[in-house]
Amino acid sequence: MIIAPILVELKRIFKDEINLFSGVNFTVDETQNLNGICDFLISHSPEKLFIAAPIITLV
């Protein structure tokens, strides 16, 4: 819950310019082991159902 206020504020500031995803499978390249379930992901795309580039990941 530490990150939740930051994500809420980002969504408030950027409105429909960004979309937030959490707990979704994010496979970039399985051959390089770039896959897994993301905790939080921010996409600068109007797409709300699917992750689209560009993205920001919080590690």
N, C-alpha and C. Protein backbone atom coordinates (compact mmCIF):
# COMPACT_ATOMS: atom_id res chain seq x y z
N MET A 1 0.81 -1.21 0.00
CA MET A 1 0.00 0.00 0.00
C MET A 1 0.85 1.27 0.00
N ILE A 2 2.16 1.14 0.09
CA ILE A 2 3.03 2.32 0.08
C ILE A 2 2.98 3.01 -1.28
N ILE A 3 2.94 2.24 -2.34
CA ILE A 3 2.98 2.80 -3.69
C ILE A 3 1.61 3.29 -4.16
N ALA A 4 0.52 2.84 -3.53
CA ALA A 4 -0.83 3.18 -3.97
C ALA A 4 -1.09 4.68 -4.06
N PRO A 5 -0.72 5.50 -3.07
CA PRO A 5 -0.97 6.95 -3.20
C PRO A 5 -0.23 7.58 -4.39
N ILE A 6 0.94 7.06 -4.71
CA ILE A 6 1.70 7.58 -5.85
C ILE A 6 0.97 7.24 -7.15
N LEU A 7 0.48 6.01 -7.26
CA LEU A 7 -0.25 5.60 -8.47
C LEU A 7 -1.56 6.38 -8.62
N VAL A 8 -2.25 6.60 -7.53
CA VAL A 8 -3.50 7.38 -7.57
C VAL A 8 -3.22 8.80 -8.03
N GLU A 9 -2.15 9.40 -7.54
CA GLU A 9 -1.79 10.77 -7.93
C GLU A 9 -1.39 10.83 -9.40
N LEU A 10 -0.63 9.85 -9.87
CA LEU A 10 -0.27 9.80 -11.30
C LEU A 10 -1.51 9.72 -12.17
N LYS A 11 -2.45 8.88 -11.78
CA LYS A 11 -3.69 8.72 -12.56
C LYS A 11 -4.50 10.02 -12.54
N ARG A 12 -4.51 10.71 -11.39
CA ARG A 12 -5.24 11.97 -11.28
C ARG A 12 -4.62 13.04 -12.18
N ILE A 13 -3.30 13.12 -12.19
CA ILE A 13 -2.60 14.13 -12.99
C ILE A 13 -2.72 13.85 -14.49
N PHE A 14 -2.51 12.59 -14.89
CA PHE A 14 -2.46 12.26 -16.31
C PHE A 14 -3.78 11.77 -16.88
N LYS A 15 -4.80 11.60 -16.05
CA LYS A 15 -6.14 11.20 -16.46
C LYS A 15 -6.12 10.04 -17.45
N ASP A 16 -6.57 10.25 -18.66
CA ASP A 16 -6.66 9.17 -19.65
C ASP A 16 -5.39 8.98 -20.47
N GLU A 17 -4.31 9.68 -20.13
CA GLU A 17 -3.05 9.54 -20.87
C GLU A 17 -2.28 8.29 -20.47
N ILE A 18 -2.53 7.78 -19.26
CA ILE A 18 -1.83 6.58 -18.80
C ILE A 18 -2.85 5.55 -18.32
N ASN A 19 -2.38 4.32 -18.24
CA ASN A 19 -3.18 3.24 -17.67
C ASN A 19 -2.30 2.46 -16.71
N LEU A 20 -2.91 2.00 -15.64
CA LEU A 20 -2.20 1.26 -14.61
C LEU A 20 -2.59 -0.21 -14.68
N PHE A 21 -1.59 -1.08 -14.52
CA PHE A 21 -1.82 -2.51 -14.50
C PHE A 21 -1.13 -3.09 -13.27
N SER A 22 -1.70 -4.11 -12.69
CA SER A 22 -1.10 -4.77 -11.55
C SER A 22 -1.46 -6.24 -11.57
N GLY A 23 -0.45 -7.08 -11.31
CA GLY A 23 -0.69 -8.52 -11.22
C GLY A 23 -0.98 -9.20 -12.54
N VAL A 24 -0.52 -8.62 -13.63
CA VAL A 24 -0.75 -9.24 -14.95
C VAL A 24 0.53 -9.88 -15.47
N ASN A 25 0.37 -10.89 -16.30
CA ASN A 25 1.53 -11.55 -16.92
C ASN A 25 2.15 -10.59 -17.93
N PHE A 26 3.44 -10.36 -17.79
CA PHE A 26 4.14 -9.42 -18.67
C PHE A 26 5.34 -10.15 -19.28
N THR A 27 5.12 -10.73 -20.45
CA THR A 27 6.17 -11.47 -21.14
C THR A 27 6.74 -10.60 -22.25
N VAL A 28 8.03 -10.31 -22.13
CA VAL A 28 8.72 -9.51 -23.15
C VAL A 28 9.49 -10.44 -24.08
N ASP A 29 10.36 -11.29 -23.50
CA ASP A 29 11.15 -12.22 -24.29
C ASP A 29 11.51 -13.41 -23.40
N GLU A 30 10.79 -14.51 -23.57
CA GLU A 30 11.02 -15.69 -22.72
C GLU A 30 12.41 -16.28 -22.91
N THR A 31 13.01 -16.14 -24.11
CA THR A 31 14.34 -16.71 -24.34
C THR A 31 15.40 -16.01 -23.48
N GLN A 32 15.15 -14.76 -23.09
CA GLN A 32 16.08 -14.03 -22.23
C GLN A 32 15.56 -13.95 -20.79
N ASN A 33 14.55 -14.77 -20.48
CA ASN A 33 13.95 -14.83 -19.15
C ASN A 33 13.34 -13.49 -18.74
N LEU A 34 12.81 -12.76 -19.69
CA LEU A 34 12.13 -11.49 -19.42
C LEU A 34 10.63 -11.73 -19.42
N ASN A 35 10.17 -12.39 -18.38
CA ASN A 35 8.75 -12.70 -18.26
C ASN A 35 8.40 -12.85 -16.79
N GLY A 36 7.13 -12.71 -16.50
CA GLY A 36 6.66 -12.88 -15.13
C GLY A 36 5.45 -12.02 -14.85
N ILE A 37 5.01 -12.06 -13.61
CA ILE A 37 3.86 -11.29 -13.16
C ILE A 37 4.36 -9.96 -12.61
N CYS A 38 3.82 -8.88 -13.11
CA CYS A 38 4.27 -7.57 -12.64
C CYS A 38 3.47 -7.14 -11.42
N ASP A 39 4.14 -6.45 -10.51
CA ASP A 39 3.44 -5.86 -9.38
C ASP A 39 2.71 -4.60 -9.83
N PHE A 40 3.45 -3.70 -10.47
CA PHE A 40 2.86 -2.46 -10.97
C PHE A 40 3.48 -2.12 -12.31
N LEU A 41 2.66 -1.68 -13.22
CA LEU A 41 3.12 -1.30 -14.54
C LEU A 41 2.29 -0.11 -15.00
N ILE A 42 2.96 0.89 -15.55
CA ILE A 42 2.29 2.09 -16.06
C ILE A 42 2.50 2.14 -17.56
N SER A 43 1.42 2.27 -18.30
CA SER A 43 1.49 2.33 -19.76
C SER A 43 1.03 3.71 -20.24
N HIS A 44 1.80 4.28 -21.15
CA HIS A 44 1.43 5.57 -21.75
C HIS A 44 0.70 5.27 -23.06
N SER A 45 -0.46 4.66 -22.90
CA SER A 45 -1.26 4.24 -24.05
C SER A 45 -2.73 4.32 -23.66
N PRO A 46 -3.60 4.66 -24.60
CA PRO A 46 -5.03 4.70 -24.29
C PRO A 46 -5.64 3.31 -24.11
N GLU A 47 -4.92 2.26 -24.48
CA GLU A 47 -5.41 0.89 -24.37
C GLU A 47 -5.58 0.51 -22.90
N LYS A 48 -6.80 0.09 -22.53
CA LYS A 48 -7.09 -0.23 -21.13
C LYS A 48 -7.10 -1.73 -20.84
N LEU A 49 -7.23 -2.56 -21.86
CA LEU A 49 -7.35 -3.98 -21.63
C LEU A 49 -6.04 -4.74 -21.84
N PHE A 50 -5.18 -4.22 -22.71
CA PHE A 50 -3.93 -4.89 -23.02
C PHE A 50 -2.77 -3.93 -22.80
N ILE A 51 -1.65 -4.47 -22.38
CA ILE A 51 -0.45 -3.66 -22.17
C ILE A 51 0.12 -3.26 -23.52
N ALA A 52 0.36 -1.97 -23.69
CA ALA A 52 0.93 -1.46 -24.94
C ALA A 52 2.08 -0.52 -24.60
N ALA A 53 3.07 -0.47 -25.46
CA ALA A 53 4.24 0.37 -25.24
C ALA A 53 3.87 1.84 -25.46
N PRO A 54 4.57 2.74 -24.85
CA PRO A 54 5.68 2.55 -23.91
C PRO A 54 5.19 2.26 -22.51
N ILE A 55 6.03 1.62 -21.72
CA ILE A 55 5.65 1.24 -20.36
C ILE A 55 6.72 1.68 -19.38
N ILE A 56 6.35 1.72 -18.12
CA ILE A 56 7.28 1.96 -17.01
C ILE A 56 7.07 0.82 -16.04
N THR A 57 8.16 0.22 -15.60
CA THR A 57 8.04 -0.80 -14.56
C THR A 57 8.70 -0.30 -13.29
N LEU A 58 8.12 -0.64 -12.15
CA LEU A 58 8.71 -0.32 -10.86
C LEU A 58 9.28 -1.59 -10.27
N VAL A 59 10.54 -1.56 -9.96
CA VAL A 59 11.21 -2.76 -9.43
C VAL A 59 11.59 -2.50 -7.99
